[in-house]
Protein backbone atom coordinates (compact mmCIF):
# COMPACT_ATOMS: atom_id res chain seq x y z
CA MET A 1 -13.90 -60.77 -96.16
CA LYS A 2 -16.10 -60.55 -93.07
CA LYS A 3 -16.93 -56.95 -93.95
CA ILE A 4 -18.10 -57.99 -97.44
CA LEU A 5 -20.22 -60.81 -96.03
CA ALA A 6 -21.78 -58.45 -93.49
CA ILE A 7 -22.61 -55.91 -96.21
CA LEU A 8 -24.13 -58.65 -98.40
CA PHE A 9 -26.19 -59.98 -95.49
CA VAL A 10 -27.52 -56.52 -94.61
CA SER A 11 -28.29 -55.81 -98.27
CA LEU A 12 -30.11 -59.11 -98.71
CA PHE A 13 -32.08 -58.60 -95.49
CA THR A 14 -33.08 -55.09 -96.62
CA LEU A 15 -34.26 -56.34 -100.02
CA VAL A 16 -36.28 -59.18 -98.50
CA SER A 17 -37.88 -57.01 -95.84
CA CYS A 18 -38.92 -54.31 -98.36
CA LYS A 19 -41.11 -56.63 -100.39
CA THR A 20 -44.76 -55.76 -99.88
CA LYS A 21 -47.00 -58.65 -98.94
CA TYR A 22 -50.72 -58.54 -99.60
CA GLU A 23 -53.63 -60.12 -97.79
CA ARG A 24 -56.87 -60.84 -99.64
CA ILE A 25 -59.73 -58.79 -98.22
CA GLY A 26 -62.49 -59.53 -100.70
CA VAL A 27 -63.66 -61.27 -103.85
CA PHE A 28 -66.45 -59.73 -105.93
CA THR A 29 -68.46 -60.93 -108.91
CA SER A 30 -68.44 -57.40 -110.33
CA ILE A 31 -67.52 -53.93 -109.14
CA SER A 32 -67.84 -50.45 -110.64
CA THR A 33 -67.62 -46.80 -109.68
CA ARG A 34 -70.07 -45.84 -112.44
CA ASN A 35 -73.76 -46.40 -113.16
CA LEU A 36 -74.28 -49.13 -115.75
CA ASP A 37 -76.77 -48.90 -118.61
CA ASP A 38 -78.77 -52.16 -118.83
CA SER A 39 -79.75 -51.40 -122.43
CA LYS A 40 -76.13 -51.65 -123.64
CA GLU A 41 -74.22 -54.79 -124.48
CA TYR A 42 -70.84 -55.06 -122.74
CA ILE A 43 -67.83 -57.03 -123.97
CA LEU A 44 -64.68 -58.33 -122.30
CA ILE A 45 -61.86 -55.86 -122.96
CA ARG A 46 -58.96 -57.34 -120.98
CA ARG A 47 -58.45 -60.22 -118.52
CA ASP A 48 -56.52 -60.13 -115.26
CA VAL A 49 -55.77 -56.43 -115.14
CA GLN A 50 -53.93 -55.31 -112.01
CA GLU A 51 -53.63 -51.92 -110.33
CA ILE A 52 -51.82 -51.01 -107.11
CA THR A 53 -52.52 -47.76 -105.32
CA ASP A 54 -51.29 -46.20 -102.11
CA VAL A 55 -53.41 -43.05 -102.00
CA GLU A 56 -54.75 -42.33 -98.53
CA GLU A 57 -58.28 -41.26 -99.43
CA ASP A 58 -60.53 -43.89 -101.04
CA PRO A 59 -57.79 -46.12 -102.54
CA MET A 60 -60.16 -48.76 -103.96
CA THR A 61 -62.10 -46.18 -105.95
CA GLU A 62 -58.85 -44.65 -107.19
CA ALA A 63 -57.52 -48.03 -108.37
CA ILE A 64 -60.78 -48.91 -110.15
CA ASP A 65 -60.96 -45.48 -111.80
CA ARG A 66 -57.37 -45.79 -113.05
CA ILE A 67 -58.17 -49.16 -114.65
CA MET A 68 -61.39 -47.88 -116.22
CA THR A 69 -59.65 -44.79 -117.63
CA TYR A 70 -56.69 -46.70 -119.07
CA TYR A 71 -58.74 -49.47 -120.70
CA ASN A 72 -61.83 -47.37 -121.47
CA GLY A 73 -63.93 -49.82 -119.46
CA GLU A 74 -67.17 -49.62 -117.52
CA PHE A 75 -66.81 -52.26 -114.78
CA LEU A 76 -64.69 -55.13 -113.46
CA ARG A 77 -65.74 -58.76 -113.10
CA ASN A 78 -64.08 -61.60 -111.17
CA VAL A 79 -62.46 -59.03 -108.88
CA LYS A 80 -59.99 -59.80 -106.11
CA VAL A 81 -59.07 -57.03 -103.65
CA TYR A 82 -55.90 -57.19 -101.56
CA ALA A 83 -54.48 -54.90 -98.87
CA SER A 84 -50.82 -54.72 -97.94
CA THR A 85 -49.80 -56.07 -94.58
CA ASN A 86 -47.54 -53.06 -94.06
CA LYS A 87 -49.54 -50.73 -91.80
CA LYS A 88 -47.11 -47.80 -92.20
CA GLN A 89 -47.81 -47.43 -95.91
CA GLN A 90 -51.16 -49.04 -96.77
CA LYS A 91 -51.47 -50.17 -100.38
CA PHE A 92 -54.37 -51.78 -102.20
CA LYS A 93 -54.13 -54.15 -105.14
CA ILE A 94 -57.10 -54.89 -107.37
CA ILE A 95 -57.13 -57.66 -109.98
CA GLY A 96 -60.02 -58.26 -112.36
CA ASP A 97 -61.41 -58.53 -115.87
CA VAL A 98 -62.32 -55.23 -117.56
CA TRP A 99 -65.68 -55.05 -119.35
CA GLY A 100 -66.91 -52.19 -121.47
CA ILE A 101 -68.78 -51.01 -124.52
CA PRO A 102 -67.29 -52.01 -127.89
CA TYR A 103 -65.13 -49.19 -129.18
CA VAL A 104 -66.47 -47.47 -132.29
CA SER A 105 -63.68 -46.28 -134.56
CA ASP A 106 -63.23 -45.03 -138.08
CA LEU A 107 -60.06 -47.11 -138.49
CA LYS A 108 -59.91 -49.65 -141.30
CA ILE A 109 -57.34 -52.24 -142.30
CA GLY A 110 -54.63 -50.50 -144.31
CA ASP A 111 -55.02 -47.10 -142.55
CA LYS A 112 -51.80 -45.27 -141.69
CA VAL A 113 -51.44 -44.59 -137.96
CA VAL A 114 -48.94 -43.29 -135.43
CA VAL A 115 -48.31 -44.85 -132.02
CA LYS A 116 -46.21 -43.99 -129.00
CA LYS A 117 -43.72 -46.79 -128.45
CA SER A 118 -41.89 -47.08 -125.13
CA GLY A 119 -38.47 -48.61 -124.73
CA LEU A 120 -35.44 -48.63 -122.45
CA LEU A 121 -34.25 -45.26 -123.73
CA GLY A 122 -37.65 -43.55 -123.42
CA SER A 123 -40.58 -43.32 -125.77
CA LYS A 124 -40.86 -42.25 -129.38
CA ILE A 125 -43.60 -41.80 -131.95
CA VAL A 126 -43.54 -44.37 -134.76
CA LYS A 127 -45.58 -44.77 -137.93
CA GLY A 128 -47.46 -47.92 -138.77
CA GLU A 129 -50.30 -49.53 -140.68
CA VAL A 130 -53.45 -51.19 -139.34
CA ILE A 131 -53.33 -54.91 -140.17
CA GLY A 132 -56.24 -56.11 -138.00
CA LEU A 133 -59.14 -54.97 -135.84
CA ASN A 134 -60.88 -56.47 -132.82
CA PRO A 135 -63.77 -54.98 -130.84
CA ASN A 136 -61.27 -53.59 -128.30
CA THR A 137 -57.79 -53.78 -129.87
CA VAL A 138 -55.99 -52.75 -133.08
CA PHE A 139 -53.20 -54.74 -134.69
CA VAL A 140 -50.52 -52.48 -136.15
CA LYS A 141 -47.38 -53.28 -138.11
CA ASP A 142 -44.91 -50.50 -137.28
CA GLU A 143 -42.21 -49.09 -139.54
CA THR A 144 -39.66 -51.59 -138.22
CA GLY A 145 -41.90 -54.52 -139.17
CA GLU A 146 -42.91 -55.33 -135.59
CA ASN A 147 -46.55 -56.34 -135.01
CA LEU A 148 -48.23 -54.57 -132.09
CA GLU A 149 -51.57 -55.18 -130.40
CA LEU A 150 -52.79 -51.87 -128.99
CA LEU A 151 -55.90 -50.37 -127.46
CA TYR A 152 -57.82 -47.94 -129.66
CA ASN A 153 -56.90 -45.03 -127.40
CA GLN A 154 -53.19 -45.77 -128.03
CA VAL A 155 -53.47 -45.29 -131.81
CA SER A 156 -53.93 -42.08 -133.82
CA LYS A 157 -54.89 -42.03 -137.48
CA SER A 158 -52.43 -40.13 -139.71
CA LYS A 159 -52.58 -38.77 -143.23
C-alpha cells in the first residue's frame, strides 16, 4: 500500500511540476510582421487566437507568422505576449485578435465542396454543401448532416 501511495505521489508531483507557467511581458494595441496598406479596409477575422512557440531564434515573429498564415490575416490587435518562467526551455505565448483583408471567393450558397475533417481516428476528406457565407468563414453542411464553420482556406470547391 505504501508503495502505491509513493508512486501516486511521485506521479502527481511530476505532473504538477511539468505544467508550464507564463509571465506577461507585454500588451500591444497592434502588432504585425508585415507592412500594412493604408488604402485597404481590414476586417476582424478571429478573436482571441493563441499560439505557443518554443523556437530559439525569433520566437515572437515565428508565433505571429504562424497565426497570420493559418488565418490568412495581416496583423493582430489587442495582443498579449507571455514568456514561460521555465528558463531551460523558453516558450512564448501570443494571444490576440486577427485582422485581415476580406477573403474574395467564387463560392456561392449551394456549391458542392470538400473539406478535411479531423477526428480521434485521424482525418478524412468529406463532401458537403455551402449553406452560408461570411466575409471570413464558410458554413458547410457535410454529408453526415453536421454544420461546420470553416475558414475559406479549409474548403475546396468540387464538381
